[in-house]
Amino acid sequence: MTARLADIAAQAGVSEATVSRVLNGKPGVAAATRESVLAALDVLGYERPVRLRRRSAGLVGLITPELDNPIFPALAQVIGQALTRQGYTPVLATQTPGGSTEDELTEMLVDRGVSGIIFVSGLHADITADMTRYDQLRGQGVPFVLINGFSPKVQAPFVSPDDRAAMQLAVTHLTALGHTRIGLAVGPKRFVPVLRKIEGFRTAVRDHLGLDAEQAEELVQHSLYTLEGGQAAADALISRGCTAVVCASDMMALGAIRAARRQGLRVPQDVSVVGFDDSPLIAFTDPPLTTIRQPVQAMGQAAVRTLLEEIGGTPAPHSEFVFHPELVVRGSTASGPGRP
């Protein structure tokens, strides 16, 4: 018990005596301090005493695409933890190929009386999708927040990374290393994040390399958000003389590295590769991947905070909260050809 108290006290940044007072329900502890101790219990995996367990305020649905891409489980974890801390029970609903659609998952969650829904990279990000499904959901009185992919047709709060700024960061890094032929491997054109990345890429290569829109377009290759998709896109870009490839996901970047090696090229000596997401474990690939880090923690917490405000009767404006990404330089980028 003493060891447990010490662990909890260290995690919460308080004294063991304070931890003891909280666990025993004694008065004289500030609300913020009490919450810190309870959060420490949760983080360390200790069960809260029965009298301190927060009653569930309800269910909140979280609809994600497949979980093969590590960024989606990472987001789900952040959102789930944030909801749990506020007394809500997260319900994860995942789309799978040949499985339930977003509409079917939404209907299932609504039938179970969820307090709200968070959509991650859903149909709202597809410019060809019918957005009236979200009007119908709002008409049913279900608050919701959408992550990654803004639509002016949907009256709801959005949370997104700054895809344009991400491309500026990647291209600036690569041109500073001496690369003058930089390719972009992205997903299908119908997705908002893809269109924004292309826009940011065009602006960056214009500013740094003097390329016009037509020249920039030759350096963009559309594919799937998979390892195989990244490999196919990189094959095409390398064949066009690209010495560096910026990818729209870390999974695509791993495919780009495979493509380079299958062509007898070395990464980063012959071809530099930049990913996008900074997925868990991506720092331990061979070579460790230079990537654009999505602010997953901040985005997930913002989505939960915004949704709970909606649930509480304080609707957020129809707006987009945009979070700035960060360039993480590792071992998959190096000087361009002819540069020491």
Protein backbone atom coordinates (compact mmCIF):
# COMPACT_ATOMS: atom_id res chain seq x y z
CA MET A 1 0.00 0.00 0.00
CA THR A 2 2.88 2.38 0.83
CA ALA A 3 4.48 1.72 -2.56
CA ARG A 4 1.13 2.29 -4.25
CA LEU A 5 0.63 5.59 -2.42
CA ALA A 6 4.13 6.71 -3.41
CA ASP A 7 3.48 5.86 -7.07
CA ILE A 8 0.18 7.73 -7.12
CA ALA A 9 1.67 10.72 -5.29
CA ALA A 10 4.56 10.92 -7.76
CA GLN A 11 2.23 10.68 -10.74
CA ALA A 12 -0.14 13.35 -9.39
CA GLY A 13 2.63 15.61 -8.07
CA VAL A 14 1.21 15.69 -4.53
CA SER A 15 2.11 14.25 -1.14
CA GLU A 16 1.25 10.74 0.00
CA ALA A 17 -0.85 12.28 2.76
CA THR A 18 -2.95 14.09 0.13
CA VAL A 19 -3.42 10.86 -1.80
CA SER A 20 -4.55 9.15 1.40
CA ARG A 21 -7.09 11.90 2.11
CA VAL A 22 -8.55 11.62 -1.38
CA LEU A 23 -8.77 7.83 -1.28
CA ASN A 24 -10.43 7.92 2.12
CA GLY A 25 -12.90 10.62 1.13
CA LYS A 26 -11.59 13.14 3.68
CA PRO A 27 -12.37 16.86 3.27
CA GLY A 28 -9.81 19.62 2.88
CA VAL A 29 -8.55 18.72 -0.62
CA ALA A 30 -8.98 21.17 -3.50
CA ALA A 31 -11.14 19.93 -6.39
CA ALA A 32 -8.28 20.24 -8.90
CA THR A 33 -5.94 18.30 -6.62
CA ARG A 34 -8.56 15.60 -6.12
CA GLU A 35 -9.00 15.26 -9.88
CA SER A 36 -5.20 14.97 -10.31
CA VAL A 37 -5.09 12.10 -7.83
CA LEU A 38 -8.02 10.31 -9.51
CA ALA A 39 -6.41 10.81 -12.92
CA ALA A 40 -3.17 9.33 -11.54
CA LEU A 41 -5.12 6.27 -10.41
CA ASP A 42 -6.48 5.86 -13.92
CA VAL A 43 -3.09 6.34 -15.61
CA LEU A 44 -1.37 3.81 -13.32
CA GLY A 45 -4.13 1.27 -13.81
CA TYR A 46 -5.43 1.23 -10.23
CA GLU A 47 -9.17 0.85 -9.71
CA ARG A 48 -10.87 3.78 -8.03
CA PRO A 49 -12.53 3.03 -4.69
CA VAL A 50 -16.23 2.36 -5.29
CA ARG A 51 -17.35 5.59 -3.62
CA LEU A 52 -15.02 7.59 -5.90
CA ARG A 53 -16.07 6.04 -9.18
CA ARG A 54 -17.73 8.53 -11.45
CA ARG A 55 -21.09 7.48 -12.74
CA SER A 56 -21.21 7.32 -16.50
CA ALA A 57 -22.68 10.42 -18.05
CA GLY A 58 -23.60 8.40 -21.12
CA LEU A 59 -22.18 6.85 -24.26
CA VAL A 60 -20.25 8.72 -26.95
CA GLY A 61 -19.70 7.10 -30.33
CA LEU A 62 -16.38 7.26 -32.16
CA ILE A 63 -16.50 6.23 -35.81
CA THR A 64 -13.14 5.62 -37.50
CA PRO A 65 -11.93 4.08 -40.74
CA GLU A 66 -10.00 0.80 -40.59
CA LEU A 67 -7.46 0.49 -37.80
CA ASP A 68 -4.59 -0.77 -39.99
CA ASN A 69 -3.20 2.76 -40.15
CA PRO A 70 -1.65 3.35 -36.69
CA ILE A 71 -2.79 6.99 -36.62
CA PHE A 72 -6.43 5.95 -36.13
CA PRO A 73 -5.84 3.81 -33.01
CA ALA A 74 -3.66 6.62 -31.66
CA LEU A 75 -6.48 9.13 -32.10
CA ALA A 76 -9.01 6.68 -30.67
CA GLN A 77 -6.88 6.22 -27.57
CA VAL A 78 -6.58 9.97 -26.93
CA ILE A 79 -10.30 10.53 -27.48
CA GLY A 80 -11.29 7.53 -25.39
CA GLN A 81 -9.14 8.62 -22.46
CA ALA A 82 -10.46 12.18 -22.62
CA LEU A 83 -14.06 10.97 -22.65
CA THR A 84 -13.48 8.58 -19.77
CA ARG A 85 -11.96 11.32 -17.65
CA GLN A 86 -15.18 13.30 -18.14
CA GLY A 87 -17.36 10.38 -17.09
CA TYR A 88 -18.44 9.26 -20.57
CA THR A 89 -18.11 5.78 -22.01
CA PRO A 90 -16.57 5.71 -25.51
CA VAL A 91 -18.00 3.27 -28.04
CA LEU A 92 -15.57 2.57 -30.88
CA ALA A 93 -17.21 1.75 -34.21
CA THR A 94 -14.80 0.87 -37.02
CA GLN A 95 -15.48 0.68 -40.72
CA THR A 96 -13.97 -2.33 -42.45
CA PRO A 97 -13.87 -3.30 -46.13
CA GLY A 98 -17.05 -5.21 -46.86
CA GLY A 99 -18.33 -4.47 -43.35
CA SER A 100 -20.58 -1.82 -41.87
CA THR A 101 -20.76 1.56 -43.57
CA GLU A 102 -20.53 4.91 -41.79
CA ASP A 103 -24.31 5.33 -42.13
CA GLU A 104 -24.98 1.90 -40.62
CA LEU A 105 -22.61 2.55 -37.72
CA THR A 106 -24.21 5.95 -37.12
CA GLU A 107 -27.69 4.41 -37.05
CA MET A 108 -26.51 1.73 -34.61
CA LEU A 109 -25.04 4.34 -32.26
CA VAL A 110 -28.13 6.55 -32.43
CA ASP A 111 -30.36 3.55 -31.69
CA ARG A 112 -28.30 2.95 -28.55
CA GLY A 113 -28.90 6.46 -27.34
CA VAL A 114 -25.40 7.91 -27.55
CA SER A 115 -24.96 11.42 -26.20
CA GLY A 116 -22.89 12.42 -29.24
CA ILE A 117 -20.63 11.14 -32.02
CA ILE A 118 -17.08 11.95 -33.17
CA PHE A 119 -16.34 11.14 -36.82
CA VAL A 120 -12.69 10.61 -37.82
CA SER A 121 -11.83 10.93 -41.54
CA GLY A 122 -15.38 10.04 -42.52
CA LEU A 123 -17.56 10.84 -45.51
CA HIS A 124 -17.44 14.50 -44.51
CA ALA A 125 -13.91 14.50 -45.99
CA ASP A 126 -15.16 13.23 -49.36
CA ILE A 127 -16.24 16.09 -51.63
CA THR A 128 -18.36 13.67 -53.72
CA ALA A 129 -20.39 12.39 -50.73
CA ASP A 130 -23.93 13.48 -49.92
CA MET A 131 -23.69 15.72 -46.86
CA THR A 132 -27.40 15.67 -46.08
CA ARG A 133 -26.73 12.61 -43.86
CA TYR A 134 -25.24 15.01 -41.32
CA ASP A 135 -28.23 17.35 -41.55
CA GLN A 136 -30.45 14.37 -40.74
CA LEU A 137 -28.26 13.46 -37.78
CA ARG A 138 -28.45 16.99 -36.41
CA GLY A 139 -32.22 16.89 -36.94
CA GLN A 140 -32.32 13.88 -34.62
CA GLY A 141 -30.76 16.02 -31.91
CA VAL A 142 -27.43 14.18 -31.82
CA PRO A 143 -24.41 16.50 -31.36
CA PHE A 144 -21.32 15.57 -33.37
CA VAL A 145 -17.80 16.74 -34.21
CA LEU A 146 -15.81 15.90 -37.34
CA ILE A 147 -12.06 15.34 -37.50
CA ASN A 148 -9.94 15.79 -40.62
CA GLY A 149 -11.81 17.14 -43.62
CA PHE A 150 -13.83 20.35 -43.67
CA SER A 151 -17.09 20.82 -45.57
CA PRO A 152 -18.95 24.13 -45.79
CA LYS A 153 -22.14 22.10 -46.27
CA VAL A 154 -22.08 20.58 -42.77
CA GLN A 155 -23.21 22.71 -39.85
CA ALA A 156 -20.86 21.34 -37.21
CA PRO A 157 -17.45 22.00 -35.64
CA PHE A 158 -14.41 20.51 -37.39
CA VAL A 159 -10.94 19.66 -36.09
CA SER A 160 -8.08 19.33 -38.60
CA PRO A 161 -4.31 19.42 -38.96
CA ASP A 162 -2.99 22.17 -41.25
CA ASP A 163 -2.28 20.09 -44.36
CA ARG A 164 -1.04 23.07 -46.35
CA ALA A 165 1.47 24.03 -43.68
CA ALA A 166 2.59 20.39 -43.49
CA MET A 167 3.62 20.46 -47.14
CA GLN A 168 5.44 23.75 -46.64
CA LEU A 169 7.43 22.17 -43.81
CA ALA A 170 8.34 19.10 -45.87
CA VAL A 171 9.32 20.95 -49.03
CA THR A 172 11.29 23.60 -47.12
CA HIS A 173 13.25 20.83 -45.38
CA LEU A 174 14.00 18.98 -48.62
CA THR A 175 14.98 22.05 -50.64
CA ALA A 176 17.31 23.09 -47.82
CA LEU A 177 19.00 19.72 -48.32
CA GLY A 178 19.49 20.52 -52.00
CA HIS A 179 16.66 18.52 -53.57
CA THR A 180 15.20 20.15 -56.68
CA ARG A 181 13.00 17.29 -57.89
CA ILE A 182 10.49 16.52 -55.14
CA GLY A 183 7.44 14.29 -55.60
CA LEU A 184 4.19 14.09 -53.62
CA ALA A 185 2.44 10.74 -53.03
CA VAL A 186 -1.17 11.28 -51.92
CA GLY A 187 -4.53 9.54 -51.80
CA PRO A 188 -7.52 9.95 -54.17
CA LYS A 189 -8.40 13.46 -55.36
CA ARG A 190 -11.89 13.47 -53.86
CA PHE A 191 -10.68 13.89 -50.27
CA VAL A 192 -10.32 17.33 -48.69
CA PRO A 193 -6.99 16.59 -46.94
CA VAL A 194 -5.55 15.46 -50.29
CA LEU A 195 -6.66 18.64 -52.05
CA ARG A 196 -5.19 20.75 -49.26
CA LYS A 197 -1.88 18.90 -49.35
CA ILE A 198 -1.67 19.41 -53.11
CA GLU A 199 -2.43 23.10 -52.67
CA GLY A 200 0.29 23.45 -50.03
CA PHE A 201 2.73 21.45 -52.15
CA ARG A 202 2.14 23.62 -55.22
CA THR A 203 2.68 26.78 -53.21
CA ALA A 204 5.86 25.40 -51.64
CA VAL A 205 7.51 24.23 -54.88
CA ARG A 206 6.58 27.52 -56.51
CA ASP A 207 8.13 29.53 -53.69
CA HIS A 208 11.26 27.38 -53.29
CA LEU A 209 11.85 25.99 -56.78
CA GLY A 210 10.02 28.41 -59.07
CA LEU A 211 7.73 25.72 -60.53
CA ASP A 212 4.39 26.67 -62.03
CA ALA A 213 1.13 24.77 -61.43
CA GLU A 214 1.59 22.53 -64.49
CA GLN A 215 5.14 21.58 -63.51
CA ALA A 216 4.02 20.90 -59.95
CA GLU A 217 1.18 18.69 -61.17
CA GLU A 218 3.71 16.38 -62.85
CA LEU A 219 5.21 15.73 -59.43
CA VAL A 220 1.93 14.62 -57.80
CA GLN A 221 1.00 10.94 -57.84
CA HIS A 222 -2.34 9.68 -56.50
CA SER A 223 -2.59 6.24 -54.93
CA LEU A 224 -4.04 4.42 -51.90
CA TYR A 225 -3.23 5.18 -48.26
CA THR A 226 -1.44 1.87 -47.85
CA LEU A 227 2.09 0.51 -47.97
CA GLU A 228 1.39 -0.90 -51.42
CA GLY A 229 -0.11 2.42 -52.53
CA GLY A 230 2.97 4.30 -51.37
CA GLN A 231 5.20 1.85 -53.19
CA ALA A 232 3.31 2.28 -56.47
CA ALA A 233 3.29 6.07 -56.18
CA ALA A 234 6.99 6.23 -55.34
CA ASP A 235 7.85 3.93 -58.25
CA ALA A 236 6.17 6.40 -60.60
CA LEU A 237 7.76 9.49 -59.01
CA ILE A 238 11.27 8.03 -58.91
CA SER A 239 10.91 7.09 -62.58
CA ARG A 240 10.21 10.79 -63.24
CA GLY A 241 13.54 11.71 -61.67
CA CYS A 242 12.41 12.59 -58.14
CA THR A 243 15.18 12.38 -55.56
CA ALA A 244 12.77 13.00 -52.69
CA VAL A 245 9.20 11.86 -52.02
CA VAL A 246 6.74 13.42 -49.59
CA CYS A 247 4.00 10.96 -48.59
CA ALA A 248 0.51 11.61 -47.24
CA SER A 249 0.86 8.94 -44.54
CA ASP A 250 3.59 7.04 -42.76
CA MET A 251 2.29 3.79 -44.26
CA MET A 252 2.75 5.22 -47.75
CA ALA A 253 6.24 6.38 -46.76
CA LEU A 254 7.22 2.83 -45.78
CA GLY A 255 6.02 1.74 -49.20
CA ALA A 256 8.12 4.48 -50.80
CA ILE A 257 11.21 3.19 -49.00
CA ARG A 258 10.47 -0.30 -50.29
CA ALA A 259 10.06 1.05 -53.83
CA ALA A 260 13.44 2.80 -53.71
CA ARG A 261 15.21 -0.30 -52.44
CA ARG A 262 13.62 -2.51 -55.08
CA GLN A 263 15.05 -0.16 -57.68
CA GLY A 264 18.50 -0.62 -56.15
CA LEU A 265 18.46 2.82 -54.53
CA ARG A 266 19.42 3.68 -50.95
CA VAL A 267 17.36 5.70 -48.49
CA PRO A 268 18.37 8.41 -47.75
CA GLN A 269 21.60 8.48 -49.78
CA ASP A 270 19.84 8.25 -53.17
CA VAL A 271 16.21 9.01 -52.30
CA SER A 272 14.85 10.95 -49.33
CA VAL A 273 11.41 10.07 -47.95
CA VAL A 274 9.11 12.11 -45.70
CA GLY A 275 6.00 10.63 -44.07
CA PHE A 276 2.92 12.17 -42.50
CA ASP A 277 1.38 11.39 -39.06
CA ASP A 278 4.34 10.35 -36.88
CA SER A 279 2.54 7.12 -36.06
CA PRO A 280 3.56 5.09 -33.01
CA LEU A 281 6.79 3.11 -33.54
CA ILE A 282 7.60 4.94 -36.77
CA ALA A 283 10.79 6.29 -35.15
CA PHE A 284 12.10 2.71 -35.06
CA THR A 285 11.84 1.83 -38.76
CA ASP A 286 14.91 1.32 -40.96
CA PRO A 287 15.85 4.08 -41.45
CA PRO A 288 13.93 6.01 -38.77
CA LEU A 289 11.33 8.00 -40.70
CA THR A 290 11.42 11.76 -41.11
CA THR A 291 7.76 12.74 -40.92
CA ILE A 292 5.20 15.45 -40.27
CA ARG A 293 3.75 14.95 -36.81
CA GLN A 294 0.00 15.38 -36.49
CA PRO A 295 -0.85 17.00 -33.14
CA VAL A 296 -2.96 13.97 -32.17
CA GLN A 297 -3.13 14.78 -28.46
CA ALA A 298 -4.29 18.36 -28.99
CA MET A 299 -6.72 17.45 -31.77
CA GLY A 300 -8.32 14.59 -29.84
CA GLN A 301 -8.75 16.65 -26.70
CA ALA A 302 -10.18 19.57 -28.69
CA ALA A 303 -12.70 17.27 -30.38
CA VAL A 304 -13.87 15.91 -27.01
CA ARG A 305 -14.02 19.35 -25.40
CA THR A 306 -16.03 20.73 -28.31
CA LEU A 307 -18.42 17.77 -28.33
CA LEU A 308 -19.05 18.02 -24.59
CA GLU A 309 -19.83 21.71 -24.98
CA GLU A 310 -22.40 20.75 -27.61
CA ILE A 311 -23.85 18.07 -25.34
CA GLY A 312 -23.97 20.62 -22.52
CA GLY A 313 -26.08 23.00 -24.59
CA THR A 314 -23.34 25.37 -25.73
CA PRO A 315 -23.00 24.63 -29.45
CA ALA A 316 -19.70 25.50 -31.07
CA PRO A 317 -19.90 27.69 -34.18
CA HIS A 318 -19.77 26.15 -37.63
CA SER A 319 -16.03 26.52 -37.86
CA GLU A 320 -12.80 24.61 -38.18
CA PHE A 321 -10.17 24.36 -35.47
CA VAL A 322 -6.87 23.97 -37.34
CA PHE A 323 -3.80 22.60 -35.57
CA HIS A 324 -0.27 23.25 -36.78
CA PRO A 325 1.84 20.15 -37.50
CA GLU A 326 5.51 19.66 -36.68
CA LEU A 327 8.43 18.42 -38.79
CA VAL A 328 10.31 15.57 -37.09
CA VAL A 329 13.66 15.01 -38.78
CA ARG A 330 15.11 11.51 -38.54
CA GLY A 331 17.15 9.27 -40.79
CA SER A 332 15.13 8.96 -44.02
CA THR A 333 16.17 12.35 -45.44
CA ALA A 334 19.63 13.55 -46.45
CA SER A 335 21.38 15.90 -48.86
CA GLY A 336 20.32 15.79 -52.48
CA PRO A 337 22.49 14.49 -55.31
CA GLY A 338 25.78 16.31 -55.54
CA ARG A 339 25.42 17.90 -52.14
CA PRO A 340 27.80 16.88 -49.34
